């Protein structure tokens, strides 16, 4: 669970920090993505003596959650809202569930549009056209009429 935006700690003593390149590799994202998450205020990094970015373990956990949410297309603005929920796990769990439900609804609508377009374009389950193949590609006008019909069917249905 995300526990809110981490702040650089004032505690004395060594803390375990993960360097940006190592963390990017571990998470399967680019260092640029991690810098972007920092630029938009989702996380904060610390700086090493060589001025390289490094992340404490709390931030690493937040980044793991951010990456998982981004992998399913949760927008950064929504993730920001989740992070701002604070450290109450039940509140964050509810916010995450609502975000995932919204993404799922969007994906179902997109899938319905694809299915409608396929049906409108007379494509069989096997993936081929229902009419004999043409020796030339279809004219764009016919294609556009098919796409417009699919859009109209979607809006009517």
Protein backbone atom coordinates (compact mmCIF):
# COMPACT_ATOMS: atom_id res chain seq x y z
CA UNK A 1 0.00 0.00 0.00
CA UNK A 2 1.17 3.54 -0.60
CA UNK A 3 1.78 5.53 2.54
CA UNK A 4 1.82 9.07 1.24
CA UNK A 5 4.60 11.22 -0.10
CA UNK A 6 7.86 10.44 1.61
CA UNK A 7 9.87 13.30 2.96
CA UNK A 8 13.60 13.32 3.42
CA UNK A 9 14.25 12.11 6.91
CA UNK A 10 16.07 14.16 9.49
CA UNK A 11 17.06 11.04 11.41
CA UNK A 12 20.74 10.52 12.02
CA UNK A 13 22.55 7.39 10.97
CA UNK A 14 22.88 5.45 7.75
CA UNK A 15 19.76 4.47 5.87
CA UNK A 16 19.49 2.04 3.03
CA UNK A 17 19.14 3.91 -0.24
CA UNK A 18 18.62 2.49 -3.71
CA UNK A 19 20.30 4.26 -6.61
CA UNK A 20 18.09 5.43 -9.47
CA UNK A 21 19.66 3.15 -12.11
CA UNK A 22 19.35 0.09 -9.88
CA UNK A 23 15.76 0.91 -8.99
CA UNK A 24 14.79 1.56 -12.61
CA UNK A 25 16.18 -1.85 -13.57
CA UNK A 26 14.47 -3.54 -10.63
CA UNK A 27 11.09 -2.00 -11.51
CA UNK A 28 11.43 -2.45 -15.27
CA UNK A 29 11.08 1.25 -16.03
CA UNK A 30 13.47 3.93 -17.20
CA UNK A 31 15.34 6.29 -14.95
CA UNK A 32 13.56 9.04 -16.88
CA UNK A 33 10.20 7.66 -15.69
CA UNK A 34 11.40 7.81 -12.09
CA UNK A 35 12.61 11.38 -12.57
CA UNK A 36 9.23 12.25 -14.10
CA UNK A 37 7.39 10.84 -11.07
CA UNK A 38 9.56 13.09 -8.95
CA UNK A 39 9.02 16.09 -11.25
CA UNK A 40 5.23 15.77 -10.91
CA UNK A 41 5.50 15.45 -7.13
CA UNK A 42 4.57 11.80 -6.60
CA UNK A 43 7.84 10.99 -4.84
CA UNK A 44 10.99 12.62 -3.54
CA UNK A 45 14.52 11.41 -3.95
CA UNK A 46 17.55 12.02 -1.87
CA UNK A 47 20.91 12.99 -3.29
CA UNK A 48 24.16 11.17 -2.78
CA UNK A 49 27.43 13.00 -2.27
CA UNK A 50 27.90 12.72 -6.03
CA UNK A 51 24.46 14.36 -6.54
CA UNK A 52 22.90 11.15 -7.91
CA UNK A 53 19.29 10.39 -7.08
CA UNK A 54 18.64 7.68 -4.53
CA UNK A 55 15.47 6.43 -2.88
CA UNK A 56 14.74 5.19 0.61
CA UNK A 57 12.85 1.92 1.11
CA UNK A 58 9.52 3.65 1.79
CA UNK A 59 9.78 5.49 -1.52
CA UNK A 60 10.73 2.24 -3.26
CA UNK A 61 7.46 0.69 -2.02
CA UNK A 62 5.48 3.69 -3.25
CA UNK A 63 7.21 3.44 -6.63
CA UNK A 64 6.35 -0.25 -6.90
CA UNK A 65 2.68 0.65 -6.46
CA UNK A 66 2.93 3.55 -8.93
CA UNK A 67 4.51 1.30 -11.56
CA UNK A 68 1.84 -1.39 -11.09
CA UNK A 69 -0.93 1.18 -11.43
CA UNK A 70 0.67 2.73 -14.52
CA UNK A 71 0.98 -0.73 -16.11
CA UNK A 72 -2.82 -0.93 -16.16
CA UNK A 73 -3.17 2.67 -17.39
CA UNK A 74 -4.20 4.42 -14.19
CA UNK A 75 -3.51 8.10 -14.98
CA UNK A 76 -0.81 9.90 -12.99
CA UNK A 77 -3.36 12.46 -11.82
CA UNK A 78 -5.41 9.66 -10.26
CA UNK A 79 -2.29 8.13 -8.70
CA UNK A 80 -1.46 11.55 -7.28
CA UNK A 81 -4.88 11.63 -5.65
CA UNK A 82 -4.28 8.20 -4.15
CA UNK A 83 -0.89 9.24 -2.78
CA UNK A 84 -2.51 12.35 -1.27
CA UNK A 85 -4.99 10.15 0.62
CA UNK A 86 -2.36 9.84 3.33
CA UNK A 87 -1.18 6.79 5.17
CA UNK A 88 -4.51 5.15 6.08
CA UNK A 89 -4.34 1.79 4.26
CA UNK A 90 -8.13 1.34 4.13
CA UNK A 91 -8.65 4.77 2.55
CA UNK A 92 -5.91 4.10 0.01
CA UNK A 93 -7.26 0.62 -0.73
CA UNK A 94 -10.67 2.11 -1.51
CA UNK A 95 -9.13 4.81 -3.73
CA UNK A 96 -7.06 2.19 -5.58
CA UNK A 97 -10.12 -0.01 -6.07
CA UNK A 98 -12.10 2.93 -7.46
CA UNK A 99 -9.26 3.79 -9.84
CA UNK A 100 -9.02 0.19 -11.05
CA UNK A 101 -12.79 -0.02 -11.50
CA UNK A 102 -12.67 3.14 -13.65
CA UNK A 103 -9.83 1.74 -15.78
CA UNK A 104 -11.73 -1.52 -16.21
CA UNK A 105 -14.87 0.34 -17.31
CA UNK A 106 -12.85 2.35 -19.85
CA UNK A 107 -11.24 -0.82 -21.22
CA UNK A 108 -14.62 -2.56 -21.52
CA UNK A 109 -15.95 0.42 -23.49
CA UNK A 110 -12.90 0.36 -25.77
CA UNK A 111 -13.33 -3.37 -26.32
CA UNK A 112 -17.00 -2.86 -27.19
CA UNK A 113 -15.97 -0.23 -29.77
CA UNK A 114 -13.47 -2.65 -31.33
CA UNK A 115 -16.06 -5.44 -31.46
CA UNK A 116 -18.59 -3.10 -33.07
CA UNK A 117 -16.05 -1.99 -35.66
CA UNK A 118 -15.13 -5.59 -36.48
CA UNK A 119 -18.80 -6.50 -36.93
CA UNK A 120 -19.41 -3.44 -39.07
CA UNK A 121 -16.49 -4.24 -41.32
CA UNK A 122 -17.84 -7.76 -42.03
CA UNK A 123 -14.91 -9.64 -40.58
CA UNK A 124 -15.53 -13.27 -39.58
CA UNK A 125 -14.28 -14.89 -36.40
CA UNK A 126 -11.47 -16.48 -38.41
CA UNK A 127 -10.17 -13.01 -39.16
CA UNK A 128 -10.85 -12.90 -42.89
CA UNK A 129 -13.29 -10.90 -44.96
CA UNK A 130 -16.72 -12.42 -45.65
CA UNK A 131 -16.44 -11.51 -49.32
CA UNK A 132 -13.88 -12.64 -51.88
CA UNK A 133 -10.49 -10.94 -51.58
CA UNK A 134 -9.95 -7.91 -53.77
CA UNK A 135 -7.02 -7.45 -56.07
CA UNK A 136 -6.69 -3.87 -54.87
CA UNK A 137 -6.96 -2.38 -51.41
CA UNK A 138 -10.37 -1.03 -50.40
CA UNK A 139 -11.00 2.59 -51.18
CA UNK A 140 -10.73 4.87 -48.21
CA UNK A 141 -14.29 6.10 -48.71
CA UNK A 142 -15.73 2.63 -48.08
CA UNK A 143 -13.49 2.18 -45.07
CA UNK A 144 -14.50 5.54 -43.64
CA UNK A 145 -18.19 4.76 -44.15
CA UNK A 146 -17.66 1.48 -42.27
CA UNK A 147 -15.87 3.27 -39.44
CA UNK A 148 -18.60 5.92 -39.30
CA UNK A 149 -21.26 3.19 -39.19
CA UNK A 150 -19.45 1.55 -36.29
CA UNK A 151 -19.31 4.85 -34.45
CA UNK A 152 -23.02 5.43 -35.06
CA UNK A 153 -23.85 1.90 -33.87
CA UNK A 154 -21.79 2.47 -30.75
CA UNK A 155 -23.56 5.73 -29.97
CA UNK A 156 -27.00 4.23 -30.64
CA UNK A 157 -26.31 1.05 -28.64
